[in-house]
């Protein structure tokens, strides 16, 4: 896999090129993550240190959703992948796959966010 920095730059290009209508500005490459500010004012932070360890954190005004591979929910069928719907609720992650490229997983997450925003 590319270096973490190169991977984040590649993810920034995917977001800009394929999801420009969802973005509220240019992708922001921070020291340890990529931040995507979305058109509704929410943001998605992406951390991808290795191909099988990643986290996506979507923060809205009143909601926080985290999708990651931290190994603390072995009871879920998609372990280690899971989604935190809030501070107490973790569910199976049917959005990302360990075998997917980082770009494929980002596309899946951003497509899901677009569907979520369309519900509002």
N, C-alpha and C. Protein backbone atom coordinates (compact mmCIF):
# COMPACT_ATOMS: atom_id res chain seq x y z
N UNK A 1 0.85 -1.19 0.00
CA UNK A 1 0.00 0.00 0.00
C UNK A 1 0.88 1.24 0.00
N UNK A 2 0.35 2.31 -0.57
CA UNK A 2 1.06 3.59 -0.59
C UNK A 2 1.28 4.07 0.84
N UNK A 3 2.13 5.06 0.99
CA UNK A 3 2.28 5.67 2.31
C UNK A 3 0.94 6.26 2.72
N UNK A 4 0.76 6.46 4.02
CA UNK A 4 -0.50 7.01 4.50
C UNK A 4 -0.78 8.37 3.86
N UNK A 5 0.23 9.20 3.75
CA UNK A 5 0.07 10.54 3.16
C UNK A 5 -0.36 10.44 1.70
N UNK A 6 0.29 9.55 0.94
CA UNK A 6 -0.07 9.37 -0.47
C UNK A 6 -1.48 8.84 -0.59
N UNK A 7 -1.86 7.93 0.30
CA UNK A 7 -3.21 7.39 0.28
C UNK A 7 -4.23 8.49 0.55
N UNK A 8 -3.95 9.35 1.51
CA UNK A 8 -4.88 10.44 1.81
C UNK A 8 -5.00 11.41 0.64
N UNK A 9 -3.88 11.68 -0.05
CA UNK A 9 -3.92 12.54 -1.23
C UNK A 9 -4.78 11.90 -2.33
N UNK A 10 -4.64 10.59 -2.50
CA UNK A 10 -5.44 9.87 -3.49
C UNK A 10 -6.93 9.94 -3.13
N UNK A 11 -7.24 9.81 -1.86
CA UNK A 11 -8.63 9.90 -1.41
C UNK A 11 -9.18 11.31 -1.62
N UNK A 12 -8.34 12.32 -1.41
CA UNK A 12 -8.77 13.70 -1.65
C UNK A 12 -9.14 13.90 -3.12
N UNK A 13 -8.35 13.30 -4.02
CA UNK A 13 -8.64 13.40 -5.46
C UNK A 13 -9.97 12.71 -5.79
N UNK A 14 -10.20 11.54 -5.23
CA UNK A 14 -11.47 10.84 -5.47
C UNK A 14 -12.64 11.72 -5.02
N UNK A 15 -12.53 12.29 -3.83
CA UNK A 15 -13.62 13.14 -3.33
C UNK A 15 -13.84 14.34 -4.25
N UNK A 16 -12.76 15.01 -4.64
CA UNK A 16 -12.88 16.19 -5.51
C UNK A 16 -13.40 15.84 -6.89
N UNK A 17 -12.88 14.78 -7.47
CA UNK A 17 -13.24 14.42 -8.85
C UNK A 17 -14.61 13.79 -8.97
N UNK A 18 -14.99 12.97 -7.98
CA UNK A 18 -16.22 12.18 -8.12
C UNK A 18 -17.38 12.64 -7.25
N UNK A 19 -17.11 13.47 -6.24
CA UNK A 19 -18.16 13.88 -5.31
C UNK A 19 -18.14 15.39 -5.09
N UNK A 20 -17.77 16.13 -6.11
CA UNK A 20 -17.65 17.59 -5.97
C UNK A 20 -18.97 18.23 -5.53
N UNK A 21 -20.10 17.68 -5.95
CA UNK A 21 -21.39 18.27 -5.57
C UNK A 21 -21.69 18.07 -4.09
N UNK A 22 -21.02 17.14 -3.44
CA UNK A 22 -21.21 16.89 -2.01
C UNK A 22 -20.29 17.76 -1.16
N UNK A 23 -19.19 18.22 -1.74
CA UNK A 23 -18.19 18.96 -0.98
C UNK A 23 -18.55 20.45 -0.87
N UNK A 24 -18.27 21.00 0.30
CA UNK A 24 -18.48 22.42 0.52
C UNK A 24 -17.21 23.22 0.36
N UNK A 25 -16.14 22.58 -0.03
CA UNK A 25 -14.85 23.23 -0.22
C UNK A 25 -13.82 22.20 -0.61
N UNK A 26 -12.58 22.65 -0.76
CA UNK A 26 -11.51 21.74 -1.12
C UNK A 26 -11.20 20.79 0.03
N UNK A 27 -10.81 19.55 -0.27
CA UNK A 27 -10.38 18.62 0.78
C UNK A 27 -9.20 19.23 1.57
N UNK A 28 -9.17 18.96 2.86
CA UNK A 28 -8.13 19.50 3.73
C UNK A 28 -7.27 18.34 4.20
N UNK A 29 -6.01 18.36 3.84
CA UNK A 29 -5.07 17.32 4.24
C UNK A 29 -4.40 17.76 5.54
N UNK A 30 -4.78 17.14 6.65
CA UNK A 30 -4.22 17.42 7.97
C UNK A 30 -3.10 16.44 8.24
N UNK A 31 -2.30 16.66 9.28
CA UNK A 31 -1.16 15.75 9.52
C UNK A 31 -1.52 14.27 9.65
N UNK A 32 -2.68 13.96 10.23
CA UNK A 32 -3.02 12.56 10.47
C UNK A 32 -4.32 12.11 9.82
N UNK A 33 -4.92 12.98 9.01
CA UNK A 33 -6.21 12.60 8.42
C UNK A 33 -6.57 13.55 7.27
N UNK A 34 -7.58 13.15 6.54
CA UNK A 34 -8.18 13.96 5.49
C UNK A 34 -9.51 14.46 6.02
N UNK A 35 -9.77 15.74 5.88
CA UNK A 35 -11.07 16.29 6.29
C UNK A 35 -11.80 16.78 5.04
N UNK A 36 -13.04 16.31 4.91
CA UNK A 36 -13.91 16.74 3.83
C UNK A 36 -15.06 17.52 4.45
N UNK A 37 -15.14 18.80 4.16
CA UNK A 37 -16.26 19.61 4.63
C UNK A 37 -17.35 19.49 3.56
N UNK A 38 -18.55 19.14 4.01
CA UNK A 38 -19.64 18.86 3.09
C UNK A 38 -20.57 20.05 2.94
N UNK A 39 -21.41 20.02 1.91
CA UNK A 39 -22.25 21.16 1.58
C UNK A 39 -23.22 21.56 2.68
N UNK A 40 -23.58 20.64 3.56
CA UNK A 40 -24.51 20.95 4.64
C UNK A 40 -23.79 21.47 5.88
N UNK A 41 -22.48 21.62 5.82
CA UNK A 41 -21.71 22.11 6.97
C UNK A 41 -21.14 20.99 7.82
N UNK A 42 -21.54 19.75 7.57
CA UNK A 42 -20.97 18.63 8.31
C UNK A 42 -19.58 18.34 7.74
N UNK A 43 -18.85 17.42 8.39
CA UNK A 43 -17.55 17.04 7.85
C UNK A 43 -17.32 15.56 8.03
N UNK A 44 -16.46 15.03 7.17
CA UNK A 44 -16.03 13.64 7.26
C UNK A 44 -14.52 13.64 7.44
N UNK A 45 -14.06 13.06 8.54
CA UNK A 45 -12.63 12.86 8.76
C UNK A 45 -12.29 11.43 8.38
N UNK A 46 -11.23 11.27 7.60
CA UNK A 46 -10.81 9.96 7.11
C UNK A 46 -9.39 9.69 7.60
N UNK A 47 -9.22 8.58 8.28
CA UNK A 47 -7.89 8.11 8.68
C UNK A 47 -7.71 6.74 8.04
N UNK A 48 -6.54 6.54 7.42
CA UNK A 48 -6.29 5.28 6.71
C UNK A 48 -4.82 4.91 6.84
N UNK A 49 -4.37 4.55 8.06
CA UNK A 49 -2.94 4.25 8.24
C UNK A 49 -2.48 2.99 7.52
N UNK A 50 -3.36 1.99 7.39
CA UNK A 50 -3.02 0.78 6.63
C UNK A 50 -4.27 0.35 5.87
N UNK A 51 -4.11 -0.57 4.97
CA UNK A 51 -5.24 -1.01 4.15
C UNK A 51 -6.36 -1.64 4.99
N UNK A 52 -6.02 -2.25 6.11
CA UNK A 52 -7.04 -2.93 6.92
C UNK A 52 -7.35 -2.20 8.23
N UNK A 53 -6.76 -1.05 8.44
CA UNK A 53 -7.07 -0.25 9.63
C UNK A 53 -7.45 1.14 9.15
N UNK A 54 -8.70 1.49 9.41
CA UNK A 54 -9.18 2.78 8.94
C UNK A 54 -10.32 3.27 9.81
N UNK A 55 -10.59 4.56 9.70
CA UNK A 55 -11.76 5.12 10.37
C UNK A 55 -12.30 6.28 9.56
N UNK A 56 -13.61 6.34 9.53
CA UNK A 56 -14.35 7.44 8.93
C UNK A 56 -15.21 8.02 10.05
N UNK A 57 -15.13 9.32 10.24
CA UNK A 57 -15.92 9.97 11.28
C UNK A 57 -16.74 11.08 10.62
N UNK A 58 -18.07 10.88 10.57
CA UNK A 58 -18.95 11.88 9.98
C UNK A 58 -19.62 12.64 11.11
N UNK A 59 -19.39 13.93 11.16
CA UNK A 59 -19.93 14.77 12.23
C UNK A 59 -20.88 15.80 11.64
N UNK A 60 -22.13 15.72 12.06
CA UNK A 60 -23.11 16.74 11.69
C UNK A 60 -23.38 17.60 12.92
N UNK A 61 -24.27 18.54 12.78
CA UNK A 61 -24.61 19.41 13.91
C UNK A 61 -25.13 18.60 15.10
N UNK A 62 -25.91 17.54 14.81
CA UNK A 62 -26.53 16.79 15.91
C UNK A 62 -26.31 15.28 15.84
N UNK A 63 -25.33 14.86 15.06
CA UNK A 63 -25.11 13.42 14.89
C UNK A 63 -23.62 13.15 14.66
N UNK A 64 -23.17 12.05 15.23
CA UNK A 64 -21.79 11.61 15.03
C UNK A 64 -21.83 10.13 14.67
N UNK A 65 -21.30 9.79 13.49
CA UNK A 65 -21.26 8.40 13.04
C UNK A 65 -19.81 8.05 12.77
N UNK A 66 -19.36 6.95 13.37
CA UNK A 66 -17.97 6.51 13.17
C UNK A 66 -17.99 5.11 12.59
N UNK A 67 -17.21 4.92 11.54
CA UNK A 67 -17.08 3.63 10.87
C UNK A 67 -15.61 3.27 10.95
N UNK A 68 -15.29 2.14 11.59
CA UNK A 68 -13.88 1.84 11.75
C UNK A 68 -13.61 0.35 11.94
N UNK A 69 -12.33 0.05 12.11
CA UNK A 69 -11.89 -1.34 12.28
C UNK A 69 -11.22 -1.58 13.63
N UNK A 70 -11.47 -0.72 14.60
CA UNK A 70 -10.94 -0.98 15.95
C UNK A 70 -11.52 -2.30 16.44
N UNK A 71 -10.69 -3.13 17.00
CA UNK A 71 -11.11 -4.50 17.32
C UNK A 71 -11.78 -4.62 18.68
N UNK A 72 -12.89 -3.92 18.86
CA UNK A 72 -13.57 -4.00 20.15
C UNK A 72 -15.04 -4.41 20.08
N UNK A 73 -15.48 -4.97 18.98
CA UNK A 73 -16.84 -5.51 18.88
C UNK A 73 -16.83 -6.89 18.21
N UNK A 74 -16.19 -7.88 18.85
CA UNK A 74 -16.04 -9.21 18.24
C UNK A 74 -17.37 -9.95 18.03
N UNK A 75 -18.43 -9.48 18.67
CA UNK A 75 -19.73 -10.12 18.54
C UNK A 75 -20.44 -9.78 17.23
N UNK A 76 -19.97 -8.76 16.52
CA UNK A 76 -20.62 -8.36 15.27
C UNK A 76 -20.16 -9.23 14.11
N UNK A 77 -21.06 -9.55 13.18
CA UNK A 77 -20.70 -10.45 12.07
C UNK A 77 -19.65 -9.87 11.11
N UNK A 78 -19.45 -8.56 11.13
CA UNK A 78 -18.46 -7.95 10.23
C UNK A 78 -17.16 -7.62 10.95
N UNK A 79 -16.97 -8.14 12.15
CA UNK A 79 -15.76 -7.89 12.95
C UNK A 79 -14.50 -8.03 12.09
N UNK A 80 -13.60 -7.09 12.14
CA UNK A 80 -13.51 -5.95 13.05
C UNK A 80 -14.23 -4.69 12.55
N UNK A 81 -14.86 -4.77 11.39
CA UNK A 81 -15.55 -3.59 10.85
C UNK A 81 -16.85 -3.37 11.60
N UNK A 82 -17.13 -2.11 11.92
CA UNK A 82 -18.38 -1.78 12.59
C UNK A 82 -18.69 -0.29 12.44
N UNK A 83 -19.93 0.05 12.74
CA UNK A 83 -20.40 1.43 12.67
C UNK A 83 -20.93 1.82 14.04
N UNK A 84 -20.42 2.93 14.56
CA UNK A 84 -20.96 3.52 15.79
C UNK A 84 -22.03 4.52 15.38
N UNK A 85 -23.28 4.21 15.66
CA UNK A 85 -24.36 5.13 15.32
C UNK A 85 -24.47 6.25 16.35
N UNK A 86 -23.99 5.98 17.55
CA UNK A 86 -23.89 6.98 18.61
C UNK A 86 -22.89 6.43 19.62
N UNK A 87 -22.80 7.04 20.77
CA UNK A 87 -21.79 6.62 21.75
C UNK A 87 -22.04 5.22 22.32
N UNK A 88 -23.29 4.73 22.26
CA UNK A 88 -23.62 3.44 22.85
C UNK A 88 -23.97 2.35 21.86
N UNK A 89 -24.20 2.69 20.60
CA UNK A 89 -24.72 1.72 19.64
C UNK A 89 -23.71 1.45 18.53
N UNK A 90 -23.27 0.20 18.46
CA UNK A 90 -22.40 -0.25 17.36
C UNK A 90 -23.13 -1.34 16.60
N UNK A 91 -23.08 -1.25 15.27
CA UNK A 91 -23.75 -2.23 14.42
C UNK A 91 -22.77 -2.74 13.36
N UNK A 92 -23.15 -3.80 12.69
CA UNK A 92 -22.33 -4.36 11.61
C UNK A 92 -22.11 -3.31 10.52
N UNK A 93 -20.94 -3.34 9.94
CA UNK A 93 -20.57 -2.42 8.86
C UNK A 93 -20.79 -3.10 7.51
N UNK A 94 -21.85 -2.70 6.84
CA UNK A 94 -22.13 -3.22 5.51
C UNK A 94 -21.78 -2.22 4.42
N UNK A 95 -20.99 -1.20 4.78
CA UNK A 95 -20.58 -0.19 3.81
C UNK A 95 -19.16 -0.41 3.29
N UNK A 96 -18.25 -0.79 4.17
CA UNK A 96 -16.85 -0.97 3.76
C UNK A 96 -16.48 -2.44 3.77
N UNK A 97 -15.35 -2.74 3.15
CA UNK A 97 -14.83 -4.10 3.12
C UNK A 97 -13.31 -4.03 3.30
N UNK A 98 -12.75 -4.95 4.06
CA UNK A 98 -11.29 -4.98 4.25
C UNK A 98 -10.57 -5.20 2.93
N UNK A 99 -11.17 -5.98 2.02
CA UNK A 99 -10.50 -6.28 0.75
C UNK A 99 -10.63 -5.14 -0.27
N UNK A 100 -11.46 -4.15 0.01
CA UNK A 100 -11.59 -3.00 -0.89
C UNK A 100 -10.38 -2.09 -0.79
N UNK A 101 -10.13 -1.37 -1.85
CA UNK A 101 -9.11 -0.33 -1.79
C UNK A 101 -9.64 0.82 -0.94
N UNK A 102 -8.76 1.66 -0.42
CA UNK A 102 -9.23 2.84 0.31
C UNK A 102 -10.18 3.69 -0.53
N UNK A 103 -9.88 3.81 -1.82
CA UNK A 103 -10.73 4.61 -2.71
C UNK A 103 -12.13 4.01 -2.82
N UNK A 104 -12.22 2.69 -2.94
CA UNK A 104 -13.53 2.03 -3.01
C UNK A 104 -14.32 2.26 -1.73
N UNK A 105 -13.66 2.14 -0.59
CA UNK A 105 -14.36 2.35 0.68
C UNK A 105 -14.81 3.80 0.82
N UNK A 106 -13.99 4.76 0.41
CA UNK A 106 -14.41 6.16 0.48
C UNK A 106 -15.62 6.39 -0.42
N UNK A 107 -15.61 5.85 -1.62
CA UNK A 107 -16.75 6.00 -2.52
C UNK A 107 -18.03 5.45 -1.86
N UNK A 108 -17.91 4.33 -1.21
CA UNK A 108 -19.06 3.73 -0.55
C UNK A 108 -19.58 4.64 0.57
N UNK A 109 -18.68 5.17 1.38
CA UNK A 109 -19.07 6.04 2.49
C UNK A 109 -19.70 7.33 1.96
N UNK A 110 -19.08 7.96 0.97
CA UNK A 110 -19.62 9.22 0.45
C UNK A 110 -20.96 8.99 -0.25
N UNK A 111 -21.14 7.88 -0.92
CA UNK A 111 -22.43 7.57 -1.53
C UNK A 111 -23.50 7.39 -0.46
N UNK A 112 -23.14 6.73 0.63
CA UNK A 112 -24.07 6.54 1.75
C UNK A 112 -24.44 7.89 2.36
N UNK A 113 -23.45 8.76 2.56
CA UNK A 113 -23.73 10.08 3.13
C UNK A 113 -24.67 10.86 2.21
N UNK A 114 -24.45 10.77 0.90
CA UNK A 114 -25.35 11.46 -0.03
C UNK A 114 -26.78 10.96 0.13
N UNK A 115 -26.94 9.66 0.29
CA UNK A 115 -28.30 9.10 0.50
C UNK A 115 -28.88 9.59 1.82
N UNK A 116 -28.06 9.64 2.86
CA UNK A 116 -28.52 10.12 4.17
C UNK A 116 -28.96 11.58 4.09
N UNK A 117 -28.17 12.40 3.42
CA UNK A 117 -28.50 13.82 3.30
C UNK A 117 -29.76 14.03 2.47
N UNK A 118 -29.99 13.17 1.49
CA UNK A 118 -31.19 13.29 0.65
C UNK A 118 -32.46 13.02 1.45
N UNK A 119 -32.35 12.30 2.56
CA UNK A 119 -33.51 12.00 3.40
C UNK A 119 -33.99 13.22 4.18
N UNK A 120 -33.09 14.19 4.36
CA UNK A 120 -33.43 15.37 5.17
C UNK A 120 -34.25 16.38 4.42
